[in-house]
Protein backbone atom coordinates (compact mmCIF):
# COMPACT_ATOMS: atom_id res chain seq x y z
CA MET A 1 89.84 63.89 55.27
CA ALA A 2 91.26 66.75 56.52
CA GLY A 3 88.38 67.75 58.10
CA ASP A 4 88.24 65.01 60.23
CA TYR A 5 91.63 65.69 61.53
CA LEU A 6 90.88 69.13 62.30
CA ILE A 7 88.02 68.34 64.56
CA ALA A 8 89.55 65.81 65.86
CA PHE A 9 92.78 68.15 66.53
CA LEU A 10 90.63 70.93 68.40
CA LEU A 11 88.45 68.57 70.43
CA MET A 12 91.46 67.33 71.80
CA ALA A 13 92.53 70.93 73.08
CA VAL A 14 89.21 71.29 74.81
CA LEU A 15 89.80 68.17 76.44
CA GLY A 16 93.16 69.58 77.09
CA VAL A 17 91.91 73.12 78.33
CA LEU A 18 89.32 71.60 80.24
CA VAL A 19 91.64 69.20 82.32
CA ALA A 20 94.73 71.50 82.91
CA GLY A 21 91.51 74.11 84.04
CA ILE A 22 90.14 71.27 86.72
CA VAL A 23 93.75 70.19 87.67
CA LEU A 24 94.64 73.86 88.56
CA MET A 25 91.24 75.10 90.02
CA GLY A 26 91.84 71.58 92.11
CA ILE A 27 95.20 72.52 93.52
CA GLY A 28 94.01 76.25 93.98
CA GLY A 29 96.21 78.96 95.17
CA LYS A 30 97.37 82.41 92.72
CA ALA A 31 97.46 80.27 89.90
CA ASN A 32 94.25 79.19 90.14
CA GLN A 33 93.59 82.95 90.33
CA ARG A 34 95.72 84.03 87.66
CA TYR A 35 95.13 80.99 85.20
CA GLY A 36 91.58 79.74 85.78
CA ASN A 37 89.48 82.57 83.81
CA LYS A 38 92.08 82.43 80.97
CA LEU A 39 91.52 78.91 80.71
CA MET A 40 87.84 79.46 80.64
CA VAL A 41 88.23 81.74 78.22
CA ALA A 42 90.22 79.37 75.96
CA ARG A 43 88.15 76.64 76.16
CA VAL A 44 84.91 78.12 75.50
CA SER A 45 86.99 79.91 72.55
CA LEU A 46 88.28 76.60 71.33
CA GLN A 47 84.69 74.74 71.58
CA GLY A 48 82.88 77.53 69.43
CA LEU A 49 85.83 77.15 67.08
CA ALA A 50 85.28 73.37 66.91
CA LEU A 51 81.33 74.02 66.05
CA LEU A 52 82.40 76.78 63.48
CA VAL A 53 84.68 74.04 62.09
CA LEU A 54 82.07 71.15 62.16
CA ALA A 55 79.16 73.02 60.85
CA LEU A 56 81.29 74.31 58.09
CA LEU A 57 82.00 71.00 57.23
CA LEU A 58 78.68 69.56 57.23
CA MET A 59 77.44 72.66 55.01
CA THR A 60 80.01 71.88 52.39
CA ALA A 61 79.95 67.85 52.63
CA LYS A 62 78.40 66.36 49.46
CA LYS A 63 75.85 63.86 49.71
């Protein structure tokens, strides 16, 4: 059951970074130029981590 919470936490983190990126892009300006790419890299990294954890949980799940 701990895996369920880990996946939920990772998905919420992805959503948080995604929303932050969208808001920052909407505001624009220097903040977007400075942090936009970093937020995109963080989002993609978190998505990859979430998929990796999900795959590991599915592989280790007992039938």
